[in-house]
Amino acid sequence: MAINNERKILIDSTGVILTPGEEGKNCLGNGEHYDDNGKLIECCCDECDYYCCCLPKHHKWYIPYSE
């Protein structure tokens, strides 16, 4: 996973820009978004180093994401 330090952008190994937090609602890697060609972007939550940031806040493994 690459981190662009200029703008704090997280990019997974397939090039998907990740947005941790908010239970994954805004993340392009959550399996609910489409690419520019209309193809569904595969969910990559199980591979994400920041998965614990997307859990509900009351979950015991939740970790708040901070830039």
PDB file of N, CA and C in Angstrom:
ATOM      1  N   MET A   1       0.838  -1.167   0.000  1.00  0.00           N
ATOM      2  CA  MET A   1       0.000   0.000   0.000  1.00  0.00           C
ATOM      3  C   MET A   1       0.885   1.232   0.000  1.00  0.00           C
ATOM      4  N   ALA A   2       0.617   2.118  -0.928  1.00  0.00           N
ATOM      5  CA  ALA A   2       1.403   3.338  -1.050  1.00  0.00           C
ATOM      6  C   ALA A   2       0.677   4.500  -0.387  1.00  0.00           C
ATOM      7  N   ILE A   3       1.441   5.428   0.135  1.00  0.00           N
ATOM      8  CA  ILE A   3       0.878   6.631   0.726  1.00  0.00           C
ATOM      9  C   ILE A   3       1.515   7.825   0.037  1.00  0.00           C
ATOM     10  N   ASN A   4       0.683   8.677  -0.553  1.00  0.00           N
ATOM     11  CA  ASN A   4       1.145   9.903  -1.166  1.00  0.00           C
ATOM     12  C   ASN A   4       1.230  10.932  -0.038  1.00  0.00           C
ATOM     13  N   ASN A   5       2.422  11.265   0.401  1.00  0.00           N
ATOM     14  CA  ASN A   5       2.599  12.124   1.567  1.00  0.00           C
ATOM     15  C   ASN A   5       2.182  13.572   1.338  1.00  0.00           C
ATOM     16  N   GLU A   6       2.105  14.013   0.088  1.00  0.00           N
ATOM     17  CA  GLU A   6       1.719  15.389  -0.171  1.00  0.00           C
ATOM     18  C   GLU A   6       0.262  15.634   0.209  1.00  0.00           C
ATOM     19  N   ARG A   7      -0.635  14.702  -0.142  1.00  0.00           N
ATOM     20  CA  ARG A   7      -2.059  14.889   0.122  1.00  0.00           C
ATOM     21  C   ARG A   7      -2.642  13.782   0.990  1.00  0.00           C
ATOM     22  N   LYS A   8      -1.821  12.921   1.563  1.00  0.00           N
ATOM     23  CA  LYS A   8      -2.262  11.830   2.435  1.00  0.00           C
ATOM     24  C   LYS A   8      -3.283  10.926   1.738  1.00  0.00           C
ATOM     25  N   ILE A   9      -2.977  10.515   0.524  1.00  0.00           N
ATOM     26  CA  ILE A   9      -3.842   9.615  -0.223  1.00  0.00           C
ATOM     27  C   ILE A   9      -3.310   8.198  -0.066  1.00  0.00           C
ATOM     28  N   LEU A  10      -4.196   7.266   0.277  1.00  0.00           N
ATOM     29  CA  LEU A  10      -3.836   5.855   0.394  1.00  0.00           C
ATOM     30  C   LEU A  10      -4.230   5.151  -0.890  1.00  0.00           C
ATOM     31  N   ILE A  11      -3.294   4.421  -1.473  1.00  0.00           N
ATOM     32  CA  ILE A  11      -3.539   3.711  -2.726  1.00  0.00           C
ATOM     33  C   ILE A  11      -3.169   2.253  -2.523  1.00  0.00           C
ATOM     34  N   ASP A  12      -4.111   1.336  -2.810  1.00  0.00           N
ATOM     35  CA  ASP A  12      -3.804  -0.084  -2.624  1.00  0.00           C
ATOM     36  C   ASP A  12      -3.010  -0.612  -3.816  1.00  0.00           C
ATOM     37  N   SER A  13      -2.648  -1.873  -3.781  1.00  0.00           N
ATOM     38  CA  SER A  13      -1.771  -2.460  -4.803  1.00  0.00           C
ATOM     39  C   SER A  13      -2.396  -2.497  -6.189  1.00  0.00           C
ATOM     40  N   THR A  14      -3.713  -2.377  -6.293  1.00  0.00           N
ATOM     41  CA  THR A  14      -4.375  -2.370  -7.601  1.00  0.00           C
ATOM     42  C   THR A  14      -4.589  -0.957  -8.118  1.00  0.00           C
ATOM     43  N   GLY A  15      -4.203   0.061  -7.337  1.00  0.00           N
ATOM     44  CA  GLY A  15      -4.344   1.443  -7.750  1.00  0.00           C
ATOM     45  C   GLY A  15      -5.612   2.116  -7.264  1.00  0.00           C
ATOM     46  N   VAL A  16      -6.419   1.430  -6.468  1.00  0.00           N
ATOM     47  CA  VAL A  16      -7.653   2.006  -5.943  1.00  0.00           C
ATOM     48  C   VAL A  16      -7.320   2.966  -4.804  1.00  0.00           C
ATOM     49  N   ILE A  17      -7.895   4.160  -4.856  1.00  0.00           N
ATOM     50  CA  ILE A  17      -7.697   5.143  -3.797  1.00  0.00           C
ATOM     51  C   ILE A  17      -8.614   4.785  -2.637  1.00  0.00           C
ATOM     52  N   LEU A  18      -8.027   4.650  -1.453  1.00  0.00           N
ATOM     53  CA  LEU A  18      -8.768   4.242  -0.269  1.00  0.00           C
ATOM     54  C   LEU A  18      -9.033   5.427   0.646  1.00  0.00           C
ATOM     55  N   THR A  19     -10.212   5.442   1.245  1.00  0.00           N
ATOM     56  CA  THR A  19     -10.605   6.482   2.181  1.00  0.00           C
ATOM     57  C   THR A  19     -11.107   5.815   3.448  1.00  0.00           C
ATOM     58  N   PRO A  20     -10.229   5.547   4.406  1.00  0.00           N
ATOM     59  CA  PRO A  20     -10.655   4.872   5.626  1.00  0.00           C
ATOM     60  C   PRO A  20     -11.543   5.739   6.511  1.00  0.00           C
ATOM     61  N   GLY A  21     -12.371   5.075   7.313  1.00  0.00           N
ATOM     62  CA  GLY A  21     -13.261   5.763   8.236  1.00  0.00           C
ATOM     63  C   GLY A  21     -14.691   5.743   7.746  1.00  0.00           C
ATOM     64  N   GLU A  22     -15.603   6.314   8.550  1.00  0.00           N
ATOM     65  CA  GLU A  22     -17.019   6.404   8.199  1.00  0.00           C
ATOM     66  C   GLU A  22     -17.617   5.049   7.823  1.00  0.00           C
ATOM     67  N   GLU A  23     -17.130   3.989   8.453  1.00  0.00           N
ATOM     68  CA  GLU A  23     -17.561   2.611   8.188  1.00  0.00           C
ATOM     69  C   GLU A  23     -17.387   2.225   6.718  1.00  0.00           C
ATOM     70  N   GLY A  24     -16.396   2.841   6.054  1.00  0.00           N
ATOM     71  CA  GLY A  24     -16.061   2.507   4.671  1.00  0.00           C
ATOM     72  C   GLY A  24     -16.996   3.059   3.625  1.00  0.00           C
ATOM     73  N   LYS A  25     -17.943   3.889   4.002  1.00  0.00           N
ATOM     74  CA  LYS A  25     -18.967   4.393   3.068  1.00  0.00           C
ATOM     75  C   LYS A  25     -18.380   5.194   1.912  1.00  0.00           C
ATOM     76  N   ASN A  26     -17.315   5.937   2.142  1.00  0.00           N
ATOM     77  CA  ASN A  26     -16.733   6.797   1.105  1.00  0.00           C
ATOM     78  C   ASN A  26     -15.548   6.167   0.386  1.00  0.00           C
ATOM     79  N   CYS A  27     -15.175   4.972   0.769  1.00  0.00           N
ATOM     80  CA  CYS A  27     -13.989   4.331   0.204  1.00  0.00           C
ATOM     81  C   CYS A  27     -14.295   3.680  -1.141  1.00  0.00           C
ATOM     82  N   LEU A  28     -13.452   3.939  -2.133  1.00  0.00           N
ATOM     83  CA  LEU A  28     -13.639   3.321  -3.456  1.00  0.00           C
ATOM     84  C   LEU A  28     -13.389   1.814  -3.425  1.00  0.00           C
ATOM     85  N   GLY A  29     -12.732   1.334  -2.379  1.00  0.00           N
ATOM     86  CA  GLY A  29     -12.424  -0.091  -2.280  1.00  0.00           C
ATOM     87  C   GLY A  29     -13.446  -0.887  -1.491  1.00  0.00           C
ATOM     88  N   ASN A  30     -14.633  -0.317  -1.241  1.00  0.00           N
ATOM     89  CA  ASN A  30     -15.630  -1.014  -0.421  1.00  0.00           C
ATOM     90  C   ASN A  30     -16.522  -1.968  -1.205  1.00  0.00           C
ATOM     91  N   GLY A  31     -16.321  -2.081  -2.508  1.00  0.00           N
ATOM     92  CA  GLY A  31     -17.103  -3.011  -3.323  1.00  0.00           C
ATOM     93  C   GLY A  31     -18.431  -2.455  -3.799  1.00  0.00           C
ATOM     94  N   GLU A  32     -18.662  -1.165  -3.618  1.00  0.00           N
ATOM     95  CA  GLU A  32     -19.926  -0.545  -4.019  1.00  0.00           C
ATOM     96  C   GLU A  32     -19.749   0.549  -5.065  1.00  0.00           C
ATOM     97  N   HIS A  33     -18.546   0.704  -5.599  1.00  0.00           N
ATOM     98  CA  HIS A  33     -18.270   1.764  -6.568  1.00  0.00           C
ATOM     99  C   HIS A  33     -17.832   1.160  -7.901  1.00  0.00           C
ATOM    100  N   TYR A  34     -17.963   1.957  -8.963  1.00  0.00           N
ATOM    101  CA  TYR A  34     -17.613   1.525 -10.315  1.00  0.00           C
ATOM    102  C   TYR A  34     -16.464   2.365 -10.855  1.00  0.00           C
ATOM    103  N   ASP A  35     -15.644   1.749 -11.716  1.00  0.00           N
ATOM    104  CA  ASP A  35     -14.532   2.486 -12.318  1.00  0.00           C
ATOM    105  C   ASP A  35     -15.029   3.303 -13.505  1.00  0.00           C
ATOM    106  N   ASP A  36     -14.120   3.954 -14.213  1.00  0.00           N
ATOM    107  CA  ASP A  36     -14.471   4.813 -15.349  1.00  0.00           C
ATOM    108  C   ASP A  36     -15.106   4.037 -16.504  1.00  0.00           C
ATOM    109  N   ASN A  37     -14.891   2.722 -16.560  1.00  0.00           N
ATOM    110  CA  ASN A  37     -15.459   1.891 -17.620  1.00  0.00           C
ATOM    111  C   ASN A  37     -16.777   1.247 -17.210  1.00  0.00           C
ATOM    112  N   GLY A  38     -17.282   1.582 -16.031  1.00  0.00           N
ATOM    113  CA  GLY A  38     -18.536   1.021 -15.559  1.00  0.00           C
ATOM    114  C   GLY A  38     -18.408  -0.343 -14.907  1.00  0.00           C
ATOM    115  N   LYS A  39     -17.176  -0.779 -14.687  1.00  0.00           N
ATOM    116  CA  LYS A  39     -16.938  -2.081 -14.062  1.00  0.00           C
ATOM    117  C   LYS A  39     -16.882  -1.905 -12.538  1.00  0.00           C
ATOM    118  N   LEU A  40     -17.548  -2.816 -11.811  1.00  0.00           N
ATOM    119  CA  LEU A  40     -17.550  -2.762 -10.358  1.00  0.00           C
ATOM    120  C   LEU A  40     -16.134  -2.943  -9.822  1.00  0.00           C
ATOM    121  N   ILE A  41     -15.715  -2.049  -8.927  1.00  0.00           N
ATOM    122  CA  ILE A  41     -14.402  -2.160  -8.294  1.00  0.00           C
ATOM    123  C   ILE A  41     -14.521  -3.195  -7.188  1.00  0.00           C
ATOM    124  N   GLU A  42     -13.691  -4.199  -7.243  1.00  0.00           N
ATOM    125  CA  GLU A  42     -13.733  -5.289  -6.273  1.00  0.00           C
ATOM    126  C   GLU A  42     -13.450  -4.785  -4.864  1.00  0.00           C
ATOM    127  N   CYS A  43     -14.138  -5.353  -3.897  1.00  0.00           N
ATOM    128  CA  CYS A  43     -13.921  -5.003  -2.499  1.00  0.00           C
ATOM    129  C   CYS A  43     -12.518  -5.448  -2.079  1.00  0.00           C
ATOM    130  N   CYS A  44     -11.789  -4.546  -1.436  1.00  0.00           N
ATOM    131  CA  CYS A  44     -10.438  -4.881  -0.985  1.00  0.00           C
ATOM    132  C   CYS A  44     -10.283  -4.662   0.519  1.00  0.00           C
ATOM    133  N   CYS A  45     -11.407  -4.673   1.240  1.00  0.00           N
ATOM    134  CA  CYS A  45     -11.379  -4.434   2.692  1.00  0.00           C
ATOM    135  C   CYS A  45     -10.549  -5.476   3.433  1.00  0.00           C
ATOM    136  N   ASP A  46     -10.651  -6.737   3.003  1.00  0.00           N
ATOM    137  CA  ASP A  46      -9.935  -7.807   3.707  1.00  0.00           C
ATOM    138  C   ASP A  46      -8.426  -7.707   3.565  1.00  0.00           C
ATOM    139  N   GLU A  47      -7.942  -6.928   2.598  1.00  0.00           N
ATOM    140  CA  GLU A  47      -6.509  -6.757   2.374  1.00  0.00           C
ATOM    141  C   GLU A  47      -5.996  -5.415   2.893  1.00  0.00           C
ATOM    142  N   CYS A  48      -6.911  -4.560   3.339  1.00  0.00           N
ATOM    143  CA  CYS A  48      -6.556  -3.182   3.689  1.00  0.00           C
ATOM    144  C   CYS A  48      -5.920  -3.092   5.074  1.00  0.00           C
ATOM    145  N   ASP A  49      -4.806  -2.378   5.149  1.00  0.00           N
ATOM    146  CA  ASP A  49      -4.121  -2.149   6.424  1.00  0.00           C
ATOM    147  C   ASP A  49      -4.915  -1.228   7.347  1.00  0.00           C
ATOM    148  N   TYR A  50      -5.894  -0.522   6.807  1.00  0.00           N
ATOM    149  CA  TYR A  50      -6.668   0.446   7.569  1.00  0.00           C
ATOM    150  C   TYR A  50      -8.089  -0.029   7.847  1.00  0.00           C
ATOM    151  N   TYR A  51      -8.336  -1.320   7.725  1.00  0.00           N
ATOM    152  CA  TYR A  51      -9.675  -1.885   7.902  1.00  0.00           C
ATOM    153  C   TYR A  51     -10.277  -1.532   9.263  1.00  0.00           C
ATOM    154  N   CYS A  52      -9.501  -1.548  10.318  1.00  0.00           N
ATOM    155  CA  CYS A  52     -10.011  -1.256  11.671  1.00  0.00           C
ATOM    156  C   CYS A  52     -10.539   0.175  11.785  1.00  0.00           C
ATOM    157  N   CYS A  53     -10.130   1.046  10.894  1.00  0.00           N
ATOM    158  CA  CYS A  53     -10.630   2.423  10.901  1.00  0.00           C
ATOM    159  C   CYS A  53     -12.052   2.506  10.341  1.00  0.00           C
ATOM    160  N   CYS A  54     -12.496   1.465   9.658  1.00  0.00           N
ATOM    161  CA  CYS A  54     -13.808   1.465   9.014  1.00  0.00           C
ATOM    162  C   CYS A  54     -14.862   0.710   9.821  1.00  0.00           C
ATOM    163  N   LEU A  55     -14.459   0.127  10.913  1.00  0.00           N
ATOM    164  CA  LEU A  55     -15.412  -0.582  11.754  1.00  0.00           C
ATOM    165  C   LEU A  55     -16.305   0.432  12.475  1.00  0.00           C
ATOM    166  N   PRO A  56     -17.497   0.014  12.909  1.00  0.00           N
ATOM    167  CA  PRO A  56     -18.334   0.926  13.703  1.00  0.00           C
ATOM    168  C   PRO A  56     -17.574   1.388  14.954  1.00  0.00           C
ATOM    169  N   LYS A  57     -17.810   2.603  15.374  1.00  0.00           N
ATOM    170  CA  LYS A  57     -17.056   3.190  16.482  1.00  0.00           C
ATOM    171  C   LYS A  57     -17.183   2.409  17.782  1.00  0.00           C
ATOM    172  N   HIS A  58     -18.266   1.669  17.964  1.00  0.00           N
ATOM    173  CA  HIS A  58     -18.441   0.907  19.193  1.00  0.00           C
ATOM    174  C   HIS A  58     -17.781  -0.479  19.136  1.00  0.00           C
ATOM    175  N   HIS A  59     -17.230  -0.859  17.975  1.00  0.00           N
ATOM    176  CA  HIS A  59     -16.571  -2.159  17.824  1.00  0.00           C
ATOM    177  C   HIS A  59     -15.266  -2.181  18.620  1.00  0.00           C
ATOM    178  N   LYS A  60     -14.955  -3.295  19.232  1.00  0.00           N
ATOM    179  CA  LYS A  60     -13.766  -3.365  20.095  1.00  0.00           C
ATOM    180  C   LYS A  60     -12.451  -3.202  19.329  1.00  0.00           C
ATOM    181  N   TRP A  61     -12.441  -3.450  18.019  1.00  0.00           N
ATOM    182  CA  TRP A  61     -11.212  -3.304  17.233  1.00  0.00           C
ATOM    183  C   TRP A  61     -11.138  -1.997  16.459  1.00  0.00           C
ATOM    184  N   TYR A  62     -12.116  -1.130  16.662  1.00  0.00           N
ATOM    185  CA  TYR A  62     -12.134   0.156  15.954  1.00  0.00           C
ATOM    186  C   TYR A  62     -10.914   0.991  16.334  1.00  0.00           C
ATOM    187  N   ILE A  63     -10.289   1.585  15.325  1.00  0.00           N
ATOM    188  CA  ILE A  63      -9.164   2.503  15.513  1.00  0.00           C
ATOM    189  C   ILE A  63      -9.470   3.752  14.690  1.00  0.00           C
ATOM    190  N   PRO A  64      -9.562   4.915  15.299  1.00  0.00           N
ATOM    191  CA  PRO A  64      -9.850   6.120  14.519  1.00  0.00           C
ATOM    192  C   PRO A  64      -8.711   6.426  13.545  1.00  0.00           C
ATOM    193  N   TYR A  65      -9.053   6.829  12.333  1.00  0.00           N
ATOM    194  CA  TYR A  65      -8.046   7.181  11.337  1.00  0.00           C
ATOM    195  C   TYR A  65      -7.686   8.650  11.500  1.00  0.00           C
ATOM    196  N   SER A  66      -6.411   8.922  11.468  1.00  0.00           N
ATOM    197  CA  SER A  66      -5.957  10.322  11.495  1.00  0.00           C
ATOM    198  C   SER A  66      -4.843  10.485  10.482  1.00  0.00           C
ATOM    199  N   GLU A  67      -4.862  11.606   9.800  1.00  0.00           N
ATOM    200  CA  GLU A  67      -3.849  11.885   8.770  1.00  0.00           C
ATOM    201  C   GLU A  67      -2.565  12.326   9.398  1.00  0.00           C
TER     202      GLU A  67
END
